[in-house]
Amino acid sequence: MSLQCPRCFSVLISQKRSALRVGASIGAISGMTRGINLALCSGRTGSSIGSLAGPIGAATGAVAGVVLGGLVGGVSGCLLGAQLGDQLDRQVLLNNQCQECGYRFNTRNTSA
């Protein structure tokens, strides 16, 4: 779908996606924090599974649990934050600007 200016009907539109970027960043940081926190709390499981391979396996299992928890949490938080930011960009913020007349609008303002 191509955006069109509601005032002059030009298709020369620039988009700022500031809420998407901020939401993805905040979501990634909070998701990593939550994932690492959960992994640390459940590090006993990784440690006990790894203990079958001895003390080195226990330490490796705990570290792997923390790293995987941080990665999974970071990715899921980033996706959730990006979706929220995208909706803010589309519905609330005036992030579209017509290059012809300078009018700023969001997609809710358009009749398309």
PDB file of N, CA and C in Angstrom:
ATOM      1  N   MET A   1       0.834  -1.177   0.000  1.00  0.00           N
ATOM      2  CA  MET A   1       0.000   0.000   0.000  1.00  0.00           C
ATOM      3  C   MET A   1       0.880   1.241   0.000  1.00  0.00           C
ATOM      4  N   SER A   2       0.659   2.097  -0.933  1.00  0.00           N
ATOM      5  CA  SER A   2       1.400   3.326  -1.058  1.00  0.00           C
ATOM      6  C   SER A   2       0.681   4.430  -0.293  1.00  0.00           C
ATOM      7  N   LEU A   3       1.439   5.194   0.495  1.00  0.00           N
ATOM      8  CA  LEU A   3       0.849   6.312   1.220  1.00  0.00           C
ATOM      9  C   LEU A   3       0.634   7.486   0.282  1.00  0.00           C
ATOM     10  N   GLN A   4      -0.407   8.225   0.570  1.00  0.00           N
ATOM     11  CA  GLN A   4      -0.750   9.389  -0.233  1.00  0.00           C
ATOM     12  C   GLN A   4      -1.113  10.514   0.721  1.00  0.00           C
ATOM     13  N   CYS A   5      -0.643  11.708   0.432  1.00  0.00           N
ATOM     14  CA  CYS A   5      -0.931  12.863   1.271  1.00  0.00           C
ATOM     15  C   CYS A   5      -2.433  13.162   1.240  1.00  0.00           C
ATOM     16  N   PRO A   6      -3.079  13.288   2.403  1.00  0.00           N
ATOM     17  CA  PRO A   6      -4.508  13.601   2.418  1.00  0.00           C
ATOM     18  C   PRO A   6      -4.822  15.035   1.981  1.00  0.00           C
ATOM     19  N   ARG A   7      -3.824  15.899   1.955  1.00  0.00           N
ATOM     20  CA  ARG A   7      -4.056  17.286   1.581  1.00  0.00           C
ATOM     21  C   ARG A   7      -3.846  17.509   0.084  1.00  0.00           C
ATOM     22  N   CYS A   8      -2.696  17.069  -0.475  1.00  0.00           N
ATOM     23  CA  CYS A   8      -2.402  17.367  -1.883  1.00  0.00           C
ATOM     24  C   CYS A   8      -2.345  16.101  -2.748  1.00  0.00           C
ATOM     25  N   PHE A   9      -2.550  14.936  -2.151  1.00  0.00           N
ATOM     26  CA  PHE A   9      -2.604  13.630  -2.834  1.00  0.00           C
ATOM     27  C   PHE A   9      -1.282  13.238  -3.489  1.00  0.00           C
ATOM     28  N   SER A  10      -0.185  13.797  -3.022  1.00  0.00           N
ATOM     29  CA  SER A  10       1.127  13.415  -3.521  1.00  0.00           C
ATOM     30  C   SER A  10       1.515  12.052  -2.935  1.00  0.00           C
ATOM     31  N   VAL A  11       2.325  11.309  -3.660  1.00  0.00           N
ATOM     32  CA  VAL A  11       2.817  10.031  -3.156  1.00  0.00           C
ATOM     33  C   VAL A  11       4.268  10.150  -2.673  1.00  0.00           C
ATOM     34  N   LEU A  12       4.824  11.342  -2.690  1.00  0.00           N
ATOM     35  CA  LEU A  12       6.178  11.574  -2.186  1.00  0.00           C
ATOM     36  C   LEU A  12       6.111  11.794  -0.681  1.00  0.00           C
ATOM     37  N   ILE A  13       6.158  10.699   0.071  1.00  0.00           N
ATOM     38  CA  ILE A  13       5.974  10.726   1.520  1.00  0.00           C
ATOM     39  C   ILE A  13       7.230  10.176   2.187  1.00  0.00           C
ATOM     40  N   SER A  14       7.716  10.885   3.196  1.00  0.00           N
ATOM     41  CA  SER A  14       8.813  10.352   4.005  1.00  0.00           C
ATOM     42  C   SER A  14       8.232   9.904   5.340  1.00  0.00           C
ATOM     43  N   GLN A  15       8.790   8.816   5.861  1.00  0.00           N
ATOM     44  CA  GLN A  15       8.284   8.253   7.109  1.00  0.00           C
ATOM     45  C   GLN A  15       9.383   8.227   8.151  1.00  0.00           C
ATOM     46  N   LYS A  16       9.064   8.707   9.345  1.00  0.00           N
ATOM     47  CA  LYS A  16       9.954   8.566  10.489  1.00  0.00           C
ATOM     48  C   LYS A  16       9.382   7.424  11.326  1.00  0.00           C
ATOM     49  N   ARG A  17      10.196   6.512  11.687  1.00  0.00           N
ATOM     50  CA  ARG A  17       9.755   5.374  12.501  1.00  0.00           C
ATOM     51  C   ARG A  17      10.428   5.434  13.871  1.00  0.00           C
ATOM     52  N   SER A  18      10.294   6.570  14.531  1.00  0.00           N
ATOM     53  CA  SER A  18      10.988   6.766  15.794  1.00  0.00           C
ATOM     54  C   SER A  18      10.438   5.859  16.899  1.00  0.00           C
ATOM     55  N   ALA A  19       9.137   5.708  16.997  1.00  0.00           N
ATOM     56  CA  ALA A  19       8.563   4.863  18.053  1.00  0.00           C
ATOM     57  C   ALA A  19       8.922   3.401  17.825  1.00  0.00           C
ATOM     58  N   LEU A  20       9.016   2.979  16.585  1.00  0.00           N
ATOM     59  CA  LEU A  20       9.403   1.608  16.285  1.00  0.00           C
ATOM     60  C   LEU A  20      10.820   1.341  16.784  1.00  0.00           C
ATOM     61  N   ARG A  21      11.735   2.252  16.505  1.00  0.00           N
ATOM     62  CA  ARG A  21      13.125   2.077  16.938  1.00  0.00           C
ATOM     63  C   ARG A  21      13.248   2.088  18.459  1.00  0.00           C
ATOM     64  N   VAL A  22      12.581   3.046  19.095  1.00  0.00           N
ATOM     65  CA  VAL A  22      12.648   3.151  20.548  1.00  0.00           C
ATOM     66  C   VAL A  22      11.984   1.937  21.201  1.00  0.00           C
ATOM     67  N   GLY A  23      10.830   1.550  20.686  1.00  0.00           N
ATOM     68  CA  GLY A  23      10.124   0.391  21.238  1.00  0.00           C
ATOM     69  C   GLY A  23      10.921  -0.890  21.099  1.00  0.00           C
ATOM     70  N   ALA A  24      11.566  -1.078  19.953  1.00  0.00           N
ATOM     71  CA  ALA A  24      12.381  -2.276  19.750  1.00  0.00           C
ATOM     72  C   ALA A  24      13.578  -2.276  20.692  1.00  0.00           C
ATOM     73  N   SER A  25      14.203  -1.127  20.880  1.00  0.00           N
ATOM     74  CA  SER A  25      15.366  -1.053  21.779  1.00  0.00           C
ATOM     75  C   SER A  25      14.979  -1.319  23.227  1.00  0.00           C
ATOM     76  N   ILE A  26      13.929  -0.658  23.687  1.00  0.00           N
ATOM     77  CA  ILE A  26      13.483  -0.867  25.063  1.00  0.00           C
ATOM     78  C   ILE A  26      13.008  -2.303  25.263  1.00  0.00           C
ATOM     79  N   GLY A  27      12.289  -2.836  24.285  1.00  0.00           N
ATOM     80  CA  GLY A  27      11.826  -4.221  24.375  1.00  0.00           C
ATOM     81  C   GLY A  27      12.968  -5.212  24.415  1.00  0.00           C
ATOM     82  N   ALA A  28      14.003  -4.965  23.624  1.00  0.00           N
ATOM     83  CA  ALA A  28      15.151  -5.875  23.612  1.00  0.00           C
ATOM     84  C   ALA A  28      15.881  -5.847  24.948  1.00  0.00           C
ATOM     85  N   ILE A  29      16.085  -4.664  25.489  1.00  0.00           N
ATOM     86  CA  ILE A  29      16.797  -4.550  26.767  1.00  0.00           C
ATOM     87  C   ILE A  29      15.987  -5.188  27.889  1.00  0.00           C
ATOM     88  N   SER A  30      14.701  -4.875  27.947  1.00  0.00           N
ATOM     89  CA  SER A  30      13.883  -5.458  29.012  1.00  0.00           C
ATOM     90  C   SER A  30      13.708  -6.960  28.819  1.00  0.00           C
ATOM     91  N   GLY A  31      13.609  -7.405  27.591  1.00  0.00           N
ATOM     92  CA  GLY A  31      13.492  -8.836  27.330  1.00  0.00           C
ATOM     93  C   GLY A  31      14.753  -9.591  27.708  1.00  0.00           C
ATOM     94  N   MET A  32      15.918  -9.008  27.399  1.00  0.00           N
ATOM     95  CA  MET A  32      17.176  -9.653  27.802  1.00  0.00           C
ATOM     96  C   MET A  32      17.290  -9.711  29.319  1.00  0.00           C
ATOM     97  N   THR A  33      16.918  -8.619  29.973  1.00  0.00           N
ATOM     98  CA  THR A  33      16.979  -8.591  31.429  1.00  0.00           C
ATOM     99  C   THR A  33      16.072  -9.654  32.026  1.00  0.00           C
ATOM    100  N   ARG A  34      14.869  -9.733  31.520  1.00  0.00           N
ATOM    101  CA  ARG A  34      13.914 -10.733  32.017  1.00  0.00           C
ATOM    102  C   ARG A  34      14.391 -12.147  31.692  1.00  0.00           C
ATOM    103  N   GLY A  35      14.911 -12.357  30.494  1.00  0.00           N
ATOM    104  CA  GLY A  35      15.395 -13.676  30.110  1.00  0.00           C
ATOM    105  C   GLY A  35      16.580 -14.126  30.948  1.00  0.00           C
ATOM    106  N   ILE A  36      17.509 -13.209  31.211  1.00  0.00           N
ATOM    107  CA  ILE A  36      18.663 -13.553  32.043  1.00  0.00           C
ATOM    108  C   ILE A  36      18.220 -13.811  33.474  1.00  0.00           C
ATOM    109  N   ASN A  37      17.289 -13.014  33.967  1.00  0.00           N
ATOM    110  CA  ASN A  37      16.779 -13.211  35.318  1.00  0.00           C
ATOM    111  C   ASN A  37      16.122 -14.588  35.454  1.00  0.00           C
ATOM    112  N   LEU A  38      15.292 -14.938  34.497  1.00  0.00           N
ATOM    113  CA  LEU A  38      14.662 -16.263  34.541  1.00  0.00           C
ATOM    114  C   LEU A  38      15.699 -17.373  34.413  1.00  0.00           C
ATOM    115  N   ALA A  39      16.697 -17.143  33.567  1.00  0.00           N
ATOM    116  CA  ALA A  39      17.731 -18.162  33.392  1.00  0.00           C
ATOM    117  C   ALA A  39      18.557 -18.333  34.658  1.00  0.00           C
ATOM    118  N   LEU A  40      18.839 -17.233  35.348  1.00  0.00           N
ATOM    119  CA  LEU A  40      19.586 -17.340  36.599  1.00  0.00           C
ATOM    120  C   LEU A  40      18.766 -18.078  37.656  1.00  0.00           C
ATOM    121  N   CYS A  41      17.476 -17.794  37.678  1.00  0.00           N
ATOM    122  CA  CYS A  41      16.609 -18.486  38.638  1.00  0.00           C
ATOM    123  C   CYS A  41      16.503 -19.974  38.316  1.00  0.00           C
ATOM    124  N   SER A  42      16.522 -20.293  37.045  1.00  0.00           N
ATOM    125  CA  SER A  42      16.418 -21.696  36.667  1.00  0.00           C
ATOM    126  C   SER A  42      17.770 -22.280  36.286  1.00  0.00           C
ATOM    127  N   GLY A  43      18.857 -21.621  36.697  1.00  0.00           N
ATOM    128  CA  GLY A  43      20.205 -22.104  36.412  1.00  0.00           C
ATOM    129  C   GLY A  43      20.498 -23.428  37.078  1.00  0.00           C
ATOM    130  N   ARG A  44      19.759 -23.722  38.133  1.00  0.00           N
ATOM    131  CA  ARG A  44      19.937 -25.007  38.808  1.00  0.00           C
ATOM    132  C   ARG A  44      19.615 -26.171  37.881  1.00  0.00           C
ATOM    133  N   THR A  45      18.616 -25.968  37.020  1.00  0.00           N
ATOM    134  CA  THR A  45      18.247 -27.044  36.091  1.00  0.00           C
ATOM    135  C   THR A  45      19.380 -27.318  35.113  1.00  0.00           C
ATOM    136  N   GLY A  46      19.922 -26.266  34.518  1.00  0.00           N
ATOM    137  CA  GLY A  46      21.036 -26.434  33.591  1.00  0.00           C
ATOM    138  C   GLY A  46      22.258 -27.000  34.279  1.00  0.00           C
ATOM    139  N   SER A  47      22.466 -26.565  35.509  1.00  0.00           N
ATOM    140  CA  SER A  47      23.604 -27.067  36.265  1.00  0.00           C
ATOM    141  C   SER A  47      23.434 -28.542  36.607  1.00  0.00           C
ATOM    142  N   SER A  48      22.221 -28.930  36.984  1.00  0.00           N
ATOM    143  CA  SER A  48      22.005 -30.337  37.336  1.00  0.00           C
ATOM    144  C   SER A  48      22.061 -31.239  36.109  1.00  0.00           C
ATOM    145  N   ILE A  49      21.572 -30.759  34.975  1.00  0.00           N
ATOM    146  CA  ILE A  49      21.675 -31.550  33.746  1.00  0.00           C
ATOM    147  C   ILE A  49      23.129 -31.658  33.325  1.00  0.00           C
ATOM    148  N   GLY A  50      23.844 -30.558  33.414  1.00  0.00           N
ATOM    149  CA  GLY A  50      25.254 -30.565  33.043  1.00  0.00           C
ATOM    150  C   GLY A  50      26.126 -31.335  34.021  1.00  0.00           C
ATOM    151  N   SER A  51      25.653 -31.523  35.256  1.00  0.00           N
ATOM    152  CA  SER A  51      26.463 -32.228  36.242  1.00  0.00           C
ATOM    153  C   SER A  51      26.675 -33.685  35.877  1.00  0.00           C
ATOM    154  N   LEU A  52      25.894 -34.191  34.958  1.00  0.00           N
ATOM    155  CA  LEU A  52      26.108 -35.549  34.481  1.00  0.00           C
ATOM    156  C   LEU A  52      27.475 -35.674  33.813  1.00  0.00           C
ATOM    157  N   ALA A  53      27.988 -34.556  33.299  1.00  0.00           N
ATOM    158  CA  ALA A  53      29.302 -34.548  32.655  1.00  0.00           C
ATOM    159  C   ALA A  53      30.385 -34.066  33.604  1.00  0.00           C
ATOM    160  N   GLY A  54      30.075 -33.910  34.869  1.00  0.00           N
ATOM    161  CA  GLY A  54      31.060 -33.486  35.850  1.00  0.00           C
ATOM    162  C   GLY A  54      30.950 -32.015  36.173  1.00  0.00           C
ATOM    163  N   PRO A  55      31.890 -31.480  36.950  1.00  0.00           N
ATOM    164  CA  PRO A  55      31.820 -30.078  37.370  1.00  0.00           C
ATOM    165  C   PRO A  55      31.934 -29.096  36.208  1.00  0.00           C
ATOM    166  N   ILE A  56      32.709 -29.423  35.197  1.00  0.00           N
ATOM    167  CA  ILE A  56      32.820 -28.538  34.035  1.00  0.00           C
ATOM    168  C   ILE A  56      31.492 -28.509  33.281  1.00  0.00           C
ATOM    169  N   GLY A  57      30.831 -29.643  33.195  1.00  0.00           N
ATOM    170  CA  GLY A  57      29.524 -29.704  32.543  1.00  0.00           C
ATOM    171  C   GLY A  57      28.478 -28.908  33.295  1.00  0.00           C
ATOM    172  N   ALA A  58      28.563 -28.909  34.626  1.00  0.00           N
ATOM    173  CA  ALA A  58      27.605 -28.139  35.431  1.00  0.00           C
ATOM    174  C   ALA A  58      27.776 -26.646  35.176  1.00  0.00           C
ATOM    175  N   ALA A  59      29.021 -26.180  35.157  1.00  0.00           N
ATOM    176  CA  ALA A  59      29.277 -24.759  34.904  1.00  0.00           C
ATOM    177  C   ALA A  59      28.873 -24.382  33.490  1.00  0.00           C
ATOM    178  N   THR A  60      29.183 -25.247  32.534  1.00  0.00           N
ATOM    179  CA  THR A  60      28.831 -24.976  31.141  1.00  0.00           C
ATOM    180  C   THR A  60      27.313 -24.938  30.965  1.00  0.00           C
ATOM    181  N   GLY A  61      26.611 -25.866  31.623  1.00  0.00           N
ATOM    182  CA  GLY A  61      25.151 -25.881  31.541  1.00  0.00           C
ATOM    183  C   GLY A  61      24.524 -24.635  32.113  1.00  0.00           C
ATOM    184  N   ALA A  62      25.055 -24.140  33.227  1.00  0.00           N
ATOM    185  CA  ALA A  62      24.521 -22.918  33.834  1.00  0.00           C
ATOM    186  C   ALA A  62      24.761 -21.707  32.936  1.00  0.00           C
ATOM    187  N   VAL A  63      25.976 -21.589  32.384  1.00  0.00           N
ATOM    188  CA  VAL A  63      26.296 -20.458  31.506  1.00  0.00           C
ATOM    189  C   VAL A  63      25.461 -20.512  30.232  1.00  0.00           C
ATOM    190  N   ALA A  64      25.315 -21.708  29.677  1.00  0.00           N
ATOM    191  CA  ALA A  64      24.506 -21.844  28.459  1.00  0.00           C
ATOM    192  C   ALA A  64      23.056 -21.463  28.724  1.00  0.00           C
ATOM    193  N   GLY A  65      22.542 -21.813  29.892  1.00  0.00           N
ATOM    194  CA  GLY A  65      21.173 -21.437  30.242  1.00  0.00           C
ATOM    195  C   GLY A  65      20.997 -19.930  30.327  1.00  0.00           C
ATOM    196  N   VAL A  66      21.968 -19.239  30.912  1.00  0.00           N
ATOM    197  CA  VAL A  66      21.894 -17.778  31.025  1.00  0.00           C
ATOM    198  C   VAL A  66      21.973 -17.126  29.651  1.00  0.00           C
ATOM    199  N   VAL A  67      22.897 -17.596  28.809  1.00  0.00           N
ATOM    200  CA  VAL A  67      23.062 -17.008  27.470  1.00  0.00           C
ATOM    201  C   VAL A  67      21.815 -17.246  26.630  1.00  0.00           C
ATOM    202  N   LEU A  68      21.302 -18.460  26.627  1.00  0.00           N
ATOM    203  CA  LEU A  68      20.102 -18.748  25.837  1.00  0.00           C
ATOM    204  C   LEU A  68      18.892 -17.996  26.370  1.00  0.00           C
ATOM    205  N   GLY A  69      18.775 -17.879  27.674  1.00  0.00           N
ATOM    206  CA  GLY A  69      17.673 -17.104  28.254  1.00  0.00           C
ATOM    207  C   GLY A  69      17.731 -15.650  27.844  1.00  0.00           C
ATOM    208  N   GLY A  70      18.954 -15.080  27.841  1.00  0.00           N
ATOM    209  CA  GLY A  70      19.111 -13.687  27.412  1.00  0.00           C
ATOM    210  C   GLY A  70      18.784 -13.497  25.947  1.00  0.00           C
ATOM    211  N   LEU A  71      19.218 -14.439  25.109  1.00  0.00           N
ATOM    212  CA  LEU A  71      18.933 -14.325  23.676  1.00  0.00           C
ATOM    213  C   LEU A  71      17.445 -14.454  23.381  1.00  0.00           C
ATOM    214  N   VAL A  72      16.815 -15.457  23.951  1.00  0.00           N
ATOM    215  CA  VAL A  72      15.385 -15.658  23.705  1.00  0.00           C
ATOM    216  C   VAL A  72      14.576 -14.487  24.255  1.00  0.00           C
ATOM    217  N   GLY A  73      14.907 -14.038  25.446  1.00  0.00           N
ATOM    218  CA  GLY A  73      14.211 -12.889  26.021  1.00  0.00           C
ATOM    219  C   GLY A  73      14.421 -11.629  25.213  1.00  0.00           C
ATOM    220  N   GLY A  74      15.648 -11.412  24.748  1.00  0.00           N
ATOM    221  CA  GLY A  74      15.941 -10.220  23.956  1.00  0.00           C
ATOM    222  C   GLY A  74      15.201 -10.195  22.640  1.00  0.00           C
ATOM    223  N   VAL A  75      15.167 -11.334  21.951  1.00  0.00           N
ATOM    224  CA  VAL A  75      14.469 -11.399  20.662  1.00  0.00           C
ATOM    225  C   VAL A  75      12.970 -11.208  20.846  1.00  0.00           C
ATOM    226  N   SER A  76      12.392 -11.895  21.819  1.00  0.00           N
ATOM    227  CA  SER A  76      10.941 -11.761  22.013  1.00  0.00           C
ATOM    228  C   SER A  76      10.578 -10.360  22.484  1.00  0.00           C
ATOM    229  N   GLY A  77      11.393  -9.764  23.356  1.00  0.00           N
ATOM    230  CA  GLY A  77      11.134  -8.390  23.792  1.00  0.00           C
ATOM    231  C   GLY A  77      11.270  -7.395  22.661  1.00  0.00           C
ATOM    232  N   CYS A  78      12.253  -7.610  21.805  1.00  0.00           N
ATOM    233  CA  CYS A  78      12.459  -6.721  20.656  1.00  0.00           C
ATOM    234  C   CYS A  78      11.270  -6.786  19.704  1.00  0.00           C
ATOM    235  N   LEU A  79      10.790  -7.982  19.435  1.00  0.00           N
ATOM    236  CA  LEU A  79       9.637  -8.125  18.543  1.00  0.00           C
ATOM    237  C   LEU A  79       8.394  -7.470  19.125  1.00  0.00           C
ATOM    238  N   LEU A  80       8.150  -7.685  20.406  1.00  0.00           N
ATOM    239  CA  LEU A  80       6.977  -7.091  21.041  1.00  0.00           C
ATOM    240  C   LEU A  80       7.078  -5.568  21.064  1.00  0.00           C
ATOM    241  N   GLY A  81       8.268  -5.049  21.402  1.00  0.00           N
ATOM    242  CA  GLY A  81       8.466  -3.596  21.417  1.00  0.00           C
ATOM    243  C   GLY A  81       8.340  -2.983  20.039  1.00  0.00           C
ATOM    244  N   ALA A  82       8.833  -3.693  19.017  1.00  0.00           N
ATOM    245  CA  ALA A  82       8.734  -3.182  17.649  1.00  0.00           C
ATOM    246  C   ALA A  82       7.283  -3.141  17.184  1.00  0.00           C
ATOM    247  N   GLN A  83       6.501  -4.144  17.545  1.00  0.00           N
ATOM    248  CA  GLN A  83       5.083  -4.145  17.168  1.00  0.00           C
ATOM    249  C   GLN A  83       4.342  -2.998  17.845  1.00  0.00           C
ATOM    250  N   LEU A  84       4.614  -2.786  19.120  1.00  0.00           N
ATOM    251  CA  LEU A  84       3.973  -1.681  19.831  1.00  0.00           C
ATOM    252  C   LEU A  84       4.395  -0.340  19.234  1.00  0.00           C
ATOM    253  N   GLY A  85       5.692  -0.187  18.964  1.00  0.00           N
ATOM    254  CA  GLY A  85       6.189   1.055  18.362  1.00  0.00           C
ATOM    255  C   GLY A  85       5.612   1.301  16.983  1.00  0.00           C
ATOM    256  N   ASP A  86       5.459   0.241  16.197  1.00  0.00           N
ATOM    257  CA  ASP A  86       4.876   0.376  14.861  1.00  0.00           C
ATOM    258  C   ASP A  86       3.436   0.872  14.950  1.00  0.00           C
ATOM    259  N   GLN A  87       2.664   0.353  15.898  1.00  0.00           N
ATOM    260  CA  GLN A  87       1.283   0.807  16.060  1.00  0.00           C
ATOM    261  C   GLN A  87       1.240   2.267  16.522  1.00  0.00           C
ATOM    262  N   LEU A  88       2.169   2.648  17.397  1.00  0.00           N
ATOM    263  CA  LEU A  88       2.229   4.057  17.810  1.00  0.00           C
ATOM    264  C   LEU A  88       2.564   4.949  16.620  1.00  0.00           C
ATOM    265  N   ASP A  89       3.518   4.510  15.799  1.00  0.00           N
ATOM    266  CA  ASP A  89       3.877   5.290  14.612  1.00  0.00           C
ATOM    267  C   ASP A  89       2.696   5.436  13.666  1.00  0.00           C
ATOM    268  N   ARG A  90       1.952   4.372  13.471  1.00  0.00           N
ATOM    269  CA  ARG A  90       0.847   4.404  12.508  1.00  0.00           C
ATOM    270  C   ARG A  90      -0.378   5.155  13.019  1.00  0.00           C
ATOM    271  N   GLN A  91      -0.712   4.970  14.292  1.00  0.00           N
ATOM    272  CA  GLN A  91      -1.995   5.451  14.787  1.00  0.00           C
ATOM    273  C   GLN A  91      -1.939   6.749  15.588  1.00  0.00           C
ATOM    274  N   VAL A  92      -0.830   7.018  16.254  1.00  0.00           N
ATOM    275  CA  VAL A  92      -0.802   8.138  17.188  1.00  0.00           C
ATOM    276  C   VAL A  92       0.092   9.280  16.707  1.00  0.00           C
ATOM    277  N   LEU A  93       1.340   8.952  16.408  1.00  0.00           N
ATOM    278  CA  LEU A  93       2.307  10.000  16.067  1.00  0.00           C
ATOM    279  C   LEU A  93       2.159  10.454  14.618  1.00  0.00           C
ATOM    280  N   LEU A  94       2.476  11.697  14.384  1.00  0.00           N
ATOM    281  CA  LEU A  94       2.415  12.252  13.027  1.00  0.00           C
ATOM    282  C   LEU A  94       3.775  12.034  12.361  1.00  0.00           C
ATOM    283  N   ASN A  95       4.038  10.802  11.945  1.00  0.00           N
ATOM    284  CA  ASN A  95       5.358  10.433  11.446  1.00  0.00           C
ATOM    285  C   ASN A  95       5.466  10.412   9.932  1.00  0.00           C
ATOM    286  N   ASN A  96       4.436  10.733   9.222  1.00  0.00           N
ATOM    287  CA  ASN A  96       4.491  10.790   7.765  1.00  0.00           C
ATOM    288  C   ASN A  96       4.482  12.260   7.364  1.00  0.00           C
ATOM    289  N   GLN A  97       5.375  12.621   6.458  1.00  0.00           N
ATOM    290  CA  GLN A  97       5.432  14.005   6.002  1.00  0.00           C
ATOM    291  C   GLN A  97       5.472  14.039   4.492  1.00  0.00           C
ATOM    292  N   CYS A  98       4.578  14.836   3.915  1.00  0.00           N
ATOM    293  CA  CYS A  98       4.521  15.011   2.473  1.00  0.00           C
ATOM    294  C   CYS A  98       5.711  15.861   2.032  1.00  0.00           C
ATOM    295  N   GLN A  99       6.401  15.407   1.009  1.00  0.00           N
ATOM    296  CA  GLN A  99       7.548  16.144   0.491  1.00  0.00           C
ATOM    297  C   GLN A  99       7.124  17.287  -0.425  1.00  0.00           C
ATOM    298  N   GLU A 100       5.882  17.273  -0.855  1.00  0.00           N
ATOM    299  CA  GLU A 100       5.370  18.348  -1.726  1.00  0.00           C
ATOM    300  C   GLU A 100       4.888  19.552  -0.918  1.00  0.00           C
ATOM    301  N   CYS A 101       3.965  19.311   0.017  1.00  0.00           N
ATOM    302  CA  CYS A 101       3.355  20.437   0.737  1.00  0.00           C
ATOM    303  C   CYS A 101       3.809  20.545   2.192  1.00  0.00           C
ATOM    304  N   GLY A 102       4.527  19.545   2.718  1.00  0.00           N
ATOM    305  CA  GLY A 102       5.024  19.604   4.088  1.00  0.00           C
ATOM    306  C   GLY A 102       4.036  19.164   5.143  1.00  0.00           C
ATOM    307  N   TYR A 103       2.860  18.712   4.755  1.00  0.00           N
ATOM    308  CA  TYR A 103       1.821  18.290   5.702  1.00  0.00           C
ATOM    309  C   TYR A 103       2.267  17.030   6.442  1.00  0.00           C
ATOM    310  N   ARG A 104       2.055  17.006   7.784  1.00  0.00           N
ATOM    311  CA  ARG A 104       2.398  15.844   8.593  1.00  0.00           C
ATOM    312  C   ARG A 104       1.101  15.130   8.989  1.00  0.00           C
ATOM    313  N   PHE A 105       1.118  13.805   8.904  1.00  0.00           N
ATOM    314  CA  PHE A 105      -0.086  13.035   9.195  1.00  0.00           C
ATOM    315  C   PHE A 105       0.299  11.628   9.635  1.00  0.00           C
ATOM    316  N   ASN A 106      -0.686  10.921  10.189  1.00  0.00           N
ATOM    317  CA  ASN A 106      -0.508   9.499  10.472  1.00  0.00           C
ATOM    318  C   ASN A 106      -1.460   8.726   9.582  1.00  0.00           C
ATOM    319  N   THR A 107      -1.344   7.406   9.568  1.00  0.00           N
ATOM    320  CA  THR A 107      -2.170   6.624   8.643  1.00  0.00           C
ATOM    321  C   THR A 107      -3.630   6.614   9.033  1.00  0.00           C
ATOM    322  N   ARG A 108      -3.932   6.964  10.264  1.00  0.00           N
ATOM    323  CA  ARG A 108      -5.330   7.052  10.689  1.00  0.00           C
ATOM    324  C   ARG A 108      -6.030   8.229  10.013  1.00  0.00           C
ATOM    325  N   ASN A 109      -5.256   9.267   9.646  1.00  0.00           N
ATOM    326  CA  ASN A 109      -5.826  10.459   8.996  1.00  0.00           C
ATOM    327  C   ASN A 109      -6.204  10.197   7.540  1.00  0.00           C
ATOM    328  N   THR A 110      -5.624   9.182   6.932  1.00  0.00           N
ATOM    329  CA  THR A 110      -5.881   8.950   5.512  1.00  0.00           C
ATOM    330  C   THR A 110      -7.176   8.218   5.323  1.00  0.00           C
ATOM    331  N   SER A 111      -7.781   8.390   4.179  1.00  0.00           N
ATOM    332  CA  SER A 111      -9.060   7.736   3.892  1.00  0.00           C
ATOM    333  C   SER A 111      -8.873   6.499   3.029  1.00  0.00           C
ATOM    334  N   ALA A 112      -7.633   6.021   2.868  1.00  0.00           N
ATOM    335  CA  ALA A 112      -7.363   4.875   2.005  1.00  0.00           C
ATOM    336  C   ALA A 112      -7.717   3.572   2.644  1.00  0.00           C
TER     337      ALA A 112
END
